[in-house]
PDB file of N, CA and C in Angstrom:
ATOM      1  N   MET A   1       9.863  15.454 -34.661  1.00  0.00           N
ATOM      2  CA  MET A   1       9.665  16.317 -35.804  1.00  0.00           C
ATOM      3  C   MET A   1       8.296  16.959 -35.700  1.00  0.00           C
ATOM      4  N   SER A   2       8.232  18.198 -36.073  1.00  0.00           N
ATOM      5  CA  SER A   2       6.958  18.897 -36.023  1.00  0.00           C
ATOM      6  C   SER A   2       6.149  18.591 -37.265  1.00  0.00           C
ATOM      7  N   LYS A   3       4.948  19.126 -37.324  1.00  0.00           N
ATOM      8  CA  LYS A   3       4.062  18.893 -38.458  1.00  0.00           C
ATOM      9  C   LYS A   3       4.637  19.417 -39.759  1.00  0.00           C
ATOM     10  N   LYS A   4       5.470  20.440 -39.673  1.00  0.00           N
ATOM     11  CA  LYS A   4       6.049  21.042 -40.869  1.00  0.00           C
ATOM     12  C   LYS A   4       7.282  20.282 -41.347  1.00  0.00           C
ATOM     13  N   GLY A   5       7.669  19.232 -40.640  1.00  0.00           N
ATOM     14  CA  GLY A   5       8.838  18.472 -41.013  1.00  0.00           C
ATOM     15  C   GLY A   5      10.131  19.055 -40.469  1.00  0.00           C
ATOM     16  N   GLU A   6      10.017  20.020 -39.572  1.00  0.00           N
ATOM     17  CA  GLU A   6      11.194  20.632 -38.975  1.00  0.00           C
ATOM     18  C   GLU A   6      11.550  19.904 -37.692  1.00  0.00           C
ATOM     19  N   MET A   7      12.829  19.892 -37.390  1.00  0.00           N
ATOM     20  CA  MET A   7      13.289  19.293 -36.138  1.00  0.00           C
ATOM     21  C   MET A   7      13.072  20.302 -35.013  1.00  0.00           C
ATOM     22  N   LYS A   8      12.744  19.798 -33.839  1.00  0.00           N
ATOM     23  CA  LYS A   8      12.591  20.631 -32.650  1.00  0.00           C
ATOM     24  C   LYS A   8      13.739  20.349 -31.706  1.00  0.00           C
ATOM     25  N   THR A   9      14.100  21.376 -30.956  1.00  0.00           N
ATOM     26  CA  THR A   9      15.095  21.152 -29.921  1.00  0.00           C
ATOM     27  C   THR A   9      14.428  20.420 -28.763  1.00  0.00           C
ATOM     28  N   VAL A  10      15.237  19.877 -27.888  1.00  0.00           N
ATOM     29  CA  VAL A  10      14.700  19.190 -26.720  1.00  0.00           C
ATOM     30  C   VAL A  10      13.902  20.177 -25.868  1.00  0.00           C
ATOM     31  N   GLY A  11      14.407  21.397 -25.737  1.00  0.00           N
ATOM     32  CA  GLY A  11      13.706  22.415 -24.963  1.00  0.00           C
ATOM     33  C   GLY A  11      12.335  22.736 -25.536  1.00  0.00           C
ATOM     34  N   GLU A  12      12.257  22.876 -26.859  1.00  0.00           N
ATOM     35  CA  GLU A  12      10.968  23.157 -27.504  1.00  0.00           C
ATOM     36  C   GLU A  12      10.005  21.997 -27.317  1.00  0.00           C
ATOM     37  N   ALA A  13      10.510  20.781 -27.439  1.00  0.00           N
ATOM     38  CA  ALA A  13       9.666  19.603 -27.256  1.00  0.00           C
ATOM     39  C   ALA A  13       9.157  19.516 -25.825  1.00  0.00           C
ATOM     40  N   LEU A  14      10.024  19.842 -24.862  1.00  0.00           N
ATOM     41  CA  LEU A  14       9.621  19.832 -23.464  1.00  0.00           C
ATOM     42  C   LEU A  14       8.551  20.887 -23.191  1.00  0.00           C
ATOM     43  N   GLN A  15       8.720  22.091 -23.747  1.00  0.00           N
ATOM     44  CA  GLN A  15       7.709  23.148 -23.577  1.00  0.00           C
ATOM     45  C   GLN A  15       6.371  22.720 -24.175  1.00  0.00           C
ATOM     46  N   ASP A  16       6.396  22.089 -25.341  1.00  0.00           N
ATOM     47  CA  ASP A  16       5.166  21.590 -25.958  1.00  0.00           C
ATOM     48  C   ASP A  16       4.491  20.544 -25.072  1.00  0.00           C
ATOM     49  N   LEU A  17       5.298  19.672 -24.475  1.00  0.00           N
ATOM     50  CA  LEU A  17       4.765  18.630 -23.597  1.00  0.00           C
ATOM     51  C   LEU A  17       4.126  19.249 -22.345  1.00  0.00           C
ATOM     52  N   LEU A  18       4.801  20.229 -21.753  1.00  0.00           N
ATOM     53  CA  LEU A  18       4.259  20.900 -20.573  1.00  0.00           C
ATOM     54  C   LEU A  18       2.941  21.597 -20.896  1.00  0.00           C
ATOM     55  N   LYS A  19       2.866  22.213 -22.067  1.00  0.00           N
ATOM     56  CA  LYS A  19       1.622  22.869 -22.482  1.00  0.00           C
ATOM     57  C   LYS A  19       0.521  21.844 -22.715  1.00  0.00           C
ATOM     58  N   ALA A  20       0.866  20.731 -23.344  1.00  0.00           N
ATOM     59  CA  ALA A  20      -0.128  19.703 -23.647  1.00  0.00           C
ATOM     60  C   ALA A  20      -0.741  19.131 -22.371  1.00  0.00           C
ATOM     61  N   TYR A  21       0.057  18.958 -21.339  1.00  0.00           N
ATOM     62  CA  TYR A  21      -0.437  18.420 -20.072  1.00  0.00           C
ATOM     63  C   TYR A  21      -0.926  19.505 -19.118  1.00  0.00           C
ATOM     64  N   ARG A  22      -0.903  20.744 -19.590  1.00  0.00           N
ATOM     65  CA  ARG A  22      -1.374  21.908 -18.829  1.00  0.00           C
ATOM     66  C   ARG A  22      -0.662  22.049 -17.474  1.00  0.00           C
ATOM     67  N   ILE A  23       0.634  21.851 -17.485  1.00  0.00           N
ATOM     68  CA  ILE A  23       1.420  22.005 -16.266  1.00  0.00           C
ATOM     69  C   ILE A  23       2.546  23.022 -16.443  1.00  0.00           C
ATOM     70  N   LYS A  24       2.533  23.748 -17.539  1.00  0.00           N
ATOM     71  CA  LYS A  24       3.589  24.717 -17.809  1.00  0.00           C
ATOM     72  C   LYS A  24       3.646  25.806 -16.745  1.00  0.00           C
ATOM     73  N   ASP A  25       2.505  26.339 -16.321  1.00  0.00           N
ATOM     74  CA  ASP A  25       2.493  27.392 -15.313  1.00  0.00           C
ATOM     75  C   ASP A  25       3.100  26.912 -13.997  1.00  0.00           C
ATOM     76  N   ARG A  26       2.749  25.716 -13.594  1.00  0.00           N
ATOM     77  CA  ARG A  26       3.278  25.151 -12.341  1.00  0.00           C
ATOM     78  C   ARG A  26       4.783  24.903 -12.457  1.00  0.00           C
ATOM     79  N   PHE A  27       5.209  24.408 -13.614  1.00  0.00           N
ATOM     80  CA  PHE A  27       6.636  24.179 -13.858  1.00  0.00           C
ATOM     81  C   PHE A  27       7.401  25.495 -13.815  1.00  0.00           C
ATOM     82  N   ASP A  28       6.864  26.531 -14.478  1.00  0.00           N
ATOM     83  CA  ASP A  28       7.506  27.851 -14.471  1.00  0.00           C
ATOM     84  C   ASP A  28       7.595  28.405 -13.050  1.00  0.00           C
ATOM     85  N   GLU A  29       6.530  28.216 -12.282  1.00  0.00           N
ATOM     86  CA  GLU A  29       6.507  28.700 -10.900  1.00  0.00           C
ATOM     87  C   GLU A  29       7.636  28.062 -10.093  1.00  0.00           C
ATOM     88  N   LYS A  30       7.765  26.764 -10.178  1.00  0.00           N
ATOM     89  CA  LYS A  30       8.811  26.054  -9.432  1.00  0.00           C
ATOM     90  C   LYS A  30      10.197  26.466  -9.919  1.00  0.00           C
ATOM     91  N   SER A  31      10.348  26.673 -11.206  1.00  0.00           N
ATOM     92  CA  SER A  31      11.642  27.076 -11.766  1.00  0.00           C
ATOM     93  C   SER A  31      12.042  28.463 -11.282  1.00  0.00           C
ATOM     94  N   VAL A  32      11.103  29.386 -11.263  1.00  0.00           N
ATOM     95  CA  VAL A  32      11.376  30.750 -10.788  1.00  0.00           C
ATOM     96  C   VAL A  32      11.809  30.705  -9.327  1.00  0.00           C
ATOM     97  N   LEU A  33      11.076  29.987  -8.496  1.00  0.00           N
ATOM     98  CA  LEU A  33      11.398  29.922  -7.078  1.00  0.00           C
ATOM     99  C   LEU A  33      12.742  29.241  -6.836  1.00  0.00           C
ATOM    100  N   ALA A  34      13.029  28.200  -7.596  1.00  0.00           N
ATOM    101  CA  ALA A  34      14.290  27.484  -7.438  1.00  0.00           C
ATOM    102  C   ALA A  34      15.491  28.319  -7.867  1.00  0.00           C
ATOM    103  N   SER A  35      15.286  29.276  -8.747  1.00  0.00           N
ATOM    104  CA  SER A  35      16.394  30.089  -9.244  1.00  0.00           C
ATOM    105  C   SER A  35      16.611  31.370  -8.428  1.00  0.00           C
ATOM    106  N   TRP A  36      15.828  31.581  -7.370  1.00  0.00           N
ATOM    107  CA  TRP A  36      15.886  32.810  -6.584  1.00  0.00           C
ATOM    108  C   TRP A  36      17.313  33.123  -6.106  1.00  0.00           C
ATOM    109  N   GLU A  37      17.962  32.184  -5.443  1.00  0.00           N
ATOM    110  CA  GLU A  37      19.295  32.444  -4.900  1.00  0.00           C
ATOM    111  C   GLU A  37      20.303  32.726  -6.008  1.00  0.00           C
ATOM    112  N   ARG A  38      20.219  32.001  -7.087  1.00  0.00           N
ATOM    113  CA  ARG A  38      21.145  32.199  -8.207  1.00  0.00           C
ATOM    114  C   ARG A  38      20.984  33.592  -8.815  1.00  0.00           C
ATOM    115  N   ILE A  39      19.764  34.076  -8.893  1.00  0.00           N
ATOM    116  CA  ILE A  39      19.507  35.361  -9.549  1.00  0.00           C
ATOM    117  C   ILE A  39      19.814  36.547  -8.622  1.00  0.00           C
ATOM    118  N   VAL A  40      19.424  36.464  -7.364  1.00  0.00           N
ATOM    119  CA  VAL A  40      19.621  37.615  -6.467  1.00  0.00           C
ATOM    120  C   VAL A  40      20.882  37.519  -5.629  1.00  0.00           C
ATOM    121  N   GLY A  41      21.483  36.349  -5.543  1.00  0.00           N
ATOM    122  CA  GLY A  41      22.688  36.164  -4.753  1.00  0.00           C
ATOM    123  C   GLY A  41      22.394  35.650  -3.349  1.00  0.00           C
ATOM    124  N   LYS A  42      23.416  35.059  -2.737  1.00  0.00           N
ATOM    125  CA  LYS A  42      23.256  34.455  -1.414  1.00  0.00           C
ATOM    126  C   LYS A  42      22.872  35.452  -0.319  1.00  0.00           C
ATOM    127  N   PRO A  43      23.486  36.646  -0.266  1.00  0.00           N
ATOM    128  CA  PRO A  43      23.138  37.559   0.833  1.00  0.00           C
ATOM    129  C   PRO A  43      21.644  37.918   0.865  1.00  0.00           C
ATOM    130  N   ILE A  44      21.065  38.186  -0.289  1.00  0.00           N
ATOM    131  CA  ILE A  44      19.638  38.523  -0.339  1.00  0.00           C
ATOM    132  C   ILE A  44      18.796  37.279  -0.097  1.00  0.00           C
ATOM    133  N   ALA A  45      19.192  36.164  -0.679  1.00  0.00           N
ATOM    134  CA  ALA A  45      18.434  34.926  -0.504  1.00  0.00           C
ATOM    135  C   ALA A  45      18.392  34.506   0.970  1.00  0.00           C
ATOM    136  N   LYS A  46      19.486  34.703   1.694  1.00  0.00           N
ATOM    137  CA  LYS A  46      19.508  34.348   3.116  1.00  0.00           C
ATOM    138  C   LYS A  46      18.581  35.229   3.935  1.00  0.00           C
ATOM    139  N   ARG A  47      18.349  36.446   3.484  1.00  0.00           N
ATOM    140  CA  ARG A  47      17.479  37.387   4.204  1.00  0.00           C
ATOM    141  C   ARG A  47      16.023  37.297   3.739  1.00  0.00           C
ATOM    142  N   THR A  48      15.749  36.376   2.822  1.00  0.00           N
ATOM    143  CA  THR A  48      14.386  36.180   2.331  1.00  0.00           C
ATOM    144  C   THR A  48      13.648  35.255   3.290  1.00  0.00           C
ATOM    145  N   LYS A  49      12.590  35.763   3.853  1.00  0.00           N
ATOM    146  CA  LYS A  49      11.805  34.999   4.818  1.00  0.00           C
ATOM    147  C   LYS A  49      10.817  34.071   4.115  1.00  0.00           C
ATOM    148  N   ARG A  50      10.080  34.623   3.150  1.00  0.00           N
ATOM    149  CA  ARG A  50       9.104  33.845   2.366  1.00  0.00           C
ATOM    150  C   ARG A  50       9.154  34.315   0.923  1.00  0.00           C
ATOM    151  N   LEU A  51       8.865  33.392   0.027  1.00  0.00           N
ATOM    152  CA  LEU A  51       8.875  33.673  -1.402  1.00  0.00           C
ATOM    153  C   LEU A  51       7.827  32.779  -2.057  1.00  0.00           C
ATOM    154  N   TRP A  52       6.880  33.379  -2.778  1.00  0.00           N
ATOM    155  CA  TRP A  52       5.882  32.587  -3.492  1.00  0.00           C
ATOM    156  C   TRP A  52       5.433  33.327  -4.735  1.00  0.00           C
ATOM    157  N   LEU A  53       4.898  32.554  -5.657  1.00  0.00           N
ATOM    158  CA  LEU A  53       4.466  33.077  -6.954  1.00  0.00           C
ATOM    159  C   LEU A  53       3.032  32.641  -7.207  1.00  0.00           C
ATOM    160  N   ARG A  54       2.173  33.618  -7.476  1.00  0.00           N
ATOM    161  CA  ARG A  54       0.765  33.333  -7.795  1.00  0.00           C
ATOM    162  C   ARG A  54       0.337  34.227  -8.943  1.00  0.00           C
ATOM    163  N   ASN A  55      -0.213  33.628  -9.969  1.00  0.00           N
ATOM    164  CA  ASN A  55      -0.719  34.364 -11.129  1.00  0.00           C
ATOM    165  C   ASN A  55       0.326  35.332 -11.687  1.00  0.00           C
ATOM    166  N   ALA A  56       1.553  34.855 -11.797  1.00  0.00           N
ATOM    167  CA  ALA A  56       2.684  35.606 -12.354  1.00  0.00           C
ATOM    168  C   ALA A  56       3.088  36.805 -11.504  1.00  0.00           C
ATOM    169  N   VAL A  57       2.656  36.837 -10.238  1.00  0.00           N
ATOM    170  CA  VAL A  57       3.071  37.878  -9.305  1.00  0.00           C
ATOM    171  C   VAL A  57       3.982  37.216  -8.271  1.00  0.00           C
ATOM    172  N   LEU A  58       5.220  37.705  -8.181  1.00  0.00           N
ATOM    173  CA  LEU A  58       6.194  37.174  -7.236  1.00  0.00           C
ATOM    174  C   LEU A  58       6.107  37.976  -5.938  1.00  0.00           C
ATOM    175  N   PHE A  59       5.751  37.294  -4.860  1.00  0.00           N
ATOM    176  CA  PHE A  59       5.651  37.918  -3.540  1.00  0.00           C
ATOM    177  C   PHE A  59       6.903  37.572  -2.748  1.00  0.00           C
ATOM    178  N   ILE A  60       7.508  38.606  -2.146  1.00  0.00           N
ATOM    179  CA  ILE A  60       8.747  38.417  -1.404  1.00  0.00           C
ATOM    180  C   ILE A  60       8.594  39.047  -0.028  1.00  0.00           C
ATOM    181  N   GLU A  61       8.962  38.294   0.993  1.00  0.00           N
ATOM    182  CA  GLU A  61       8.977  38.818   2.348  1.00  0.00           C
ATOM    183  C   GLU A  61      10.401  38.683   2.880  1.00  0.00           C
ATOM    184  N   PHE A  62      10.979  39.791   3.288  1.00  0.00           N
ATOM    185  CA  PHE A  62      12.336  39.815   3.825  1.00  0.00           C
ATOM    186  C   PHE A  62      12.302  39.904   5.347  1.00  0.00           C
ATOM    187  N   ASP A  63      13.387  39.453   5.991  1.00  0.00           N
ATOM    188  CA  ASP A  63      13.466  39.537   7.445  1.00  0.00           C
ATOM    189  C   ASP A  63      14.199  40.792   7.915  1.00  0.00           C
ATOM    190  N   SER A  64      14.557  41.645   6.962  1.00  0.00           N
ATOM    191  CA  SER A  64      15.302  42.856   7.298  1.00  0.00           C
ATOM    192  C   SER A  64      14.705  44.063   6.579  1.00  0.00           C
ATOM    193  N   PRO A  65      14.360  45.105   7.310  1.00  0.00           N
ATOM    194  CA  PRO A  65      13.846  46.322   6.660  1.00  0.00           C
ATOM    195  C   PRO A  65      14.868  46.954   5.706  1.00  0.00           C
ATOM    196  N   THR A  66      16.141  46.817   6.035  1.00  0.00           N
ATOM    197  CA  THR A  66      17.186  47.379   5.179  1.00  0.00           C
ATOM    198  C   THR A  66      17.226  46.674   3.830  1.00  0.00           C
ATOM    199  N   ILE A  67      17.182  45.344   3.846  1.00  0.00           N
ATOM    200  CA  ILE A  67      17.176  44.570   2.599  1.00  0.00           C
ATOM    201  C   ILE A  67      15.906  44.887   1.815  1.00  0.00           C
ATOM    202  N   LYS A  68      14.797  44.987   2.509  1.00  0.00           N
ATOM    203  CA  LYS A  68      13.523  45.317   1.856  1.00  0.00           C
ATOM    204  C   LYS A  68      13.628  46.646   1.126  1.00  0.00           C
ATOM    205  N   SER A  69      14.186  47.627   1.776  1.00  0.00           N
ATOM    206  CA  SER A  69      14.349  48.947   1.167  1.00  0.00           C
ATOM    207  C   SER A  69      15.321  48.911  -0.011  1.00  0.00           C
ATOM    208  N   ASP A  70      16.462  48.256   0.176  1.00  0.00           N
ATOM    209  CA  ASP A  70      17.452  48.163  -0.892  1.00  0.00           C
ATOM    210  C   ASP A  70      16.904  47.409  -2.096  1.00  0.00           C
ATOM    211  N   PHE A  71      16.202  46.315  -1.824  1.00  0.00           N
ATOM    212  CA  PHE A  71      15.679  45.506  -2.920  1.00  0.00           C
ATOM    213  C   PHE A  71      14.643  46.274  -3.735  1.00  0.00           C
ATOM    214  N   SER A  72      13.893  47.146  -3.095  1.00  0.00           N
ATOM    215  CA  SER A  72      12.858  47.894  -3.814  1.00  0.00           C
ATOM    216  C   SER A  72      13.454  48.735  -4.946  1.00  0.00           C
ATOM    217  N   PHE A  73      14.705  49.157  -4.788  1.00  0.00           N
ATOM    218  CA  PHE A  73      15.368  49.917  -5.847  1.00  0.00           C
ATOM    219  C   PHE A  73      15.791  49.043  -7.020  1.00  0.00           C
ATOM    220  N   HIS A  74      15.905  47.735  -6.793  1.00  0.00           N
ATOM    221  CA  HIS A  74      16.414  46.822  -7.818  1.00  0.00           C
ATOM    222  C   HIS A  74      15.364  45.841  -8.341  1.00  0.00           C
ATOM    223  N   LYS A  75      14.139  45.954  -7.867  1.00  0.00           N
ATOM    224  CA  LYS A  75      13.142  44.943  -8.243  1.00  0.00           C
ATOM    225  C   LYS A  75      12.825  44.952  -9.734  1.00  0.00           C
ATOM    226  N   THR A  76      12.892  46.106 -10.387  1.00  0.00           N
ATOM    227  CA  THR A  76      12.641  46.163 -11.832  1.00  0.00           C
ATOM    228  C   THR A  76      13.698  45.364 -12.590  1.00  0.00           C
ATOM    229  N   LYS A  77      14.944  45.506 -12.188  1.00  0.00           N
ATOM    230  CA  LYS A  77      16.037  44.765 -12.833  1.00  0.00           C
ATOM    231  C   LYS A  77      15.887  43.268 -12.597  1.00  0.00           C
ATOM    232  N   VAL A  78      15.527  42.885 -11.381  1.00  0.00           N
ATOM    233  CA  VAL A  78      15.332  41.470 -11.061  1.00  0.00           C
ATOM    234  C   VAL A  78      14.191  40.899 -11.896  1.00  0.00           C
ATOM    235  N   MET A  79      13.113  41.661 -12.043  1.00  0.00           N
ATOM    236  CA  MET A  79      11.995  41.197 -12.862  1.00  0.00           C
ATOM    237  C   MET A  79      12.432  41.011 -14.308  1.00  0.00           C
ATOM    238  N   GLU A  80      13.245  41.923 -14.834  1.00  0.00           N
ATOM    239  CA  GLU A  80      13.757  41.789 -16.200  1.00  0.00           C
ATOM    240  C   GLU A  80      14.579  40.516 -16.360  1.00  0.00           C
ATOM    241  N   VAL A  81      15.384  40.192 -15.363  1.00  0.00           N
ATOM    242  CA  VAL A  81      16.197  38.965 -15.420  1.00  0.00           C
ATOM    243  C   VAL A  81      15.287  37.739 -15.457  1.00  0.00           C
ATOM    244  N   PHE A  82      14.261  37.709 -14.609  1.00  0.00           N
ATOM    245  CA  PHE A  82      13.316  36.593 -14.631  1.00  0.00           C
ATOM    246  C   PHE A  82      12.625  36.492 -15.990  1.00  0.00           C
ATOM    247  N   GLN A  83      12.220  37.612 -16.558  1.00  0.00           N
ATOM    248  CA  GLN A  83      11.534  37.603 -17.848  1.00  0.00           C
ATOM    249  C   GLN A  83      12.455  37.148 -18.973  1.00  0.00           C
ATOM    250  N   GLN A  84      13.709  37.531 -18.927  1.00  0.00           N
ATOM    251  CA  GLN A  84      14.668  37.080 -19.939  1.00  0.00           C
ATOM    252  C   GLN A  84      14.882  35.577 -19.843  1.00  0.00           C
ATOM    253  N   GLU A  85      14.952  35.086 -18.622  1.00  0.00           N
ATOM    254  CA  GLU A  85      15.255  33.672 -18.421  1.00  0.00           C
ATOM    255  C   GLU A  85      14.044  32.763 -18.605  1.00  0.00           C
ATOM    256  N   PHE A  86      12.867  33.210 -18.168  1.00  0.00           N
ATOM    257  CA  PHE A  86      11.689  32.346 -18.171  1.00  0.00           C
ATOM    258  C   PHE A  86      10.575  32.812 -19.106  1.00  0.00           C
ATOM    259  N   GLY A  87      10.749  33.926 -19.775  1.00  0.00           N
ATOM    260  CA  GLY A  87       9.722  34.446 -20.661  1.00  0.00           C
ATOM    261  C   GLY A  87       8.915  35.536 -19.987  1.00  0.00           C
ATOM    262  N   LYS A  88       8.265  36.345 -20.791  1.00  0.00           N
ATOM    263  CA  LYS A  88       7.529  37.518 -20.289  1.00  0.00           C
ATOM    264  C   LYS A  88       6.387  37.156 -19.344  1.00  0.00           C
ATOM    265  N   GLY A  89       5.777  35.995 -19.512  1.00  0.00           N
ATOM    266  CA  GLY A  89       4.615  35.640 -18.706  1.00  0.00           C
ATOM    267  C   GLY A  89       4.932  35.030 -17.355  1.00  0.00           C
ATOM    268  N   ALA A  90       6.181  34.681 -17.099  1.00  0.00           N
ATOM    269  CA  ALA A  90       6.522  33.992 -15.851  1.00  0.00           C
ATOM    270  C   ALA A  90       6.386  34.908 -14.643  1.00  0.00           C
ATOM    271  N   VAL A  91       6.947  36.106 -14.715  1.00  0.00           N
ATOM    272  CA  VAL A  91       6.855  37.083 -13.626  1.00  0.00           C
ATOM    273  C   VAL A  91       6.453  38.414 -14.229  1.00  0.00           C
ATOM    274  N   LYS A  92       5.237  38.840 -13.930  1.00  0.00           N
ATOM    275  CA  LYS A  92       4.736  40.114 -14.468  1.00  0.00           C
ATOM    276  C   LYS A  92       4.846  41.244 -13.448  1.00  0.00           C
ATOM    277  N   GLU A  93       4.970  40.885 -12.183  1.00  0.00           N
ATOM    278  CA  GLU A  93       5.037  41.899 -11.125  1.00  0.00           C
ATOM    279  C   GLU A  93       5.749  41.313  -9.921  1.00  0.00           C
ATOM    280  N   ILE A  94       6.434  42.177  -9.172  1.00  0.00           N
ATOM    281  CA  ILE A  94       7.067  41.773  -7.917  1.00  0.00           C
ATOM    282  C   ILE A  94       6.470  42.628  -6.804  1.00  0.00           C
ATOM    283  N   VAL A  95       6.001  41.960  -5.758  1.00  0.00           N
ATOM    284  CA  VAL A  95       5.429  42.648  -4.601  1.00  0.00           C
ATOM    285  C   VAL A  95       6.297  42.322  -3.393  1.00  0.00           C
ATOM    286  N   ILE A  96       6.799  43.375  -2.746  1.00  0.00           N
ATOM    287  CA  ILE A  96       7.618  43.202  -1.560  1.00  0.00           C
ATOM    288  C   ILE A  96       6.718  43.350  -0.339  1.00  0.00           C
ATOM    289  N   MET A  97       6.714  42.344   0.498  1.00  0.00           N
ATOM    290  CA  MET A  97       5.840  42.323   1.683  1.00  0.00           C
ATOM    291  C   MET A  97       6.583  42.871   2.889  1.00  0.00           C
TER     292      MET A  97
END
């Protein structure tokens, strides 16, 4: 129960706990990276050479120039999906390497 006497969901309680221990950013980072294949699909995920997140910037390196070019047209949509799922602060920018 919160200070106001309201019940919290398990998700809200978990977010509060992550914030209290100052590990929310690291948790969000791991969650974003773990969801890459689910969000972009297997064909793109298989062509992803490296993927990392630093300071809410998602860096992506592909092994194919064609995928790199195609993905550049869809990166705004992918960023919106990440923001809807993980919140506005999780991914603020996508950089294709």
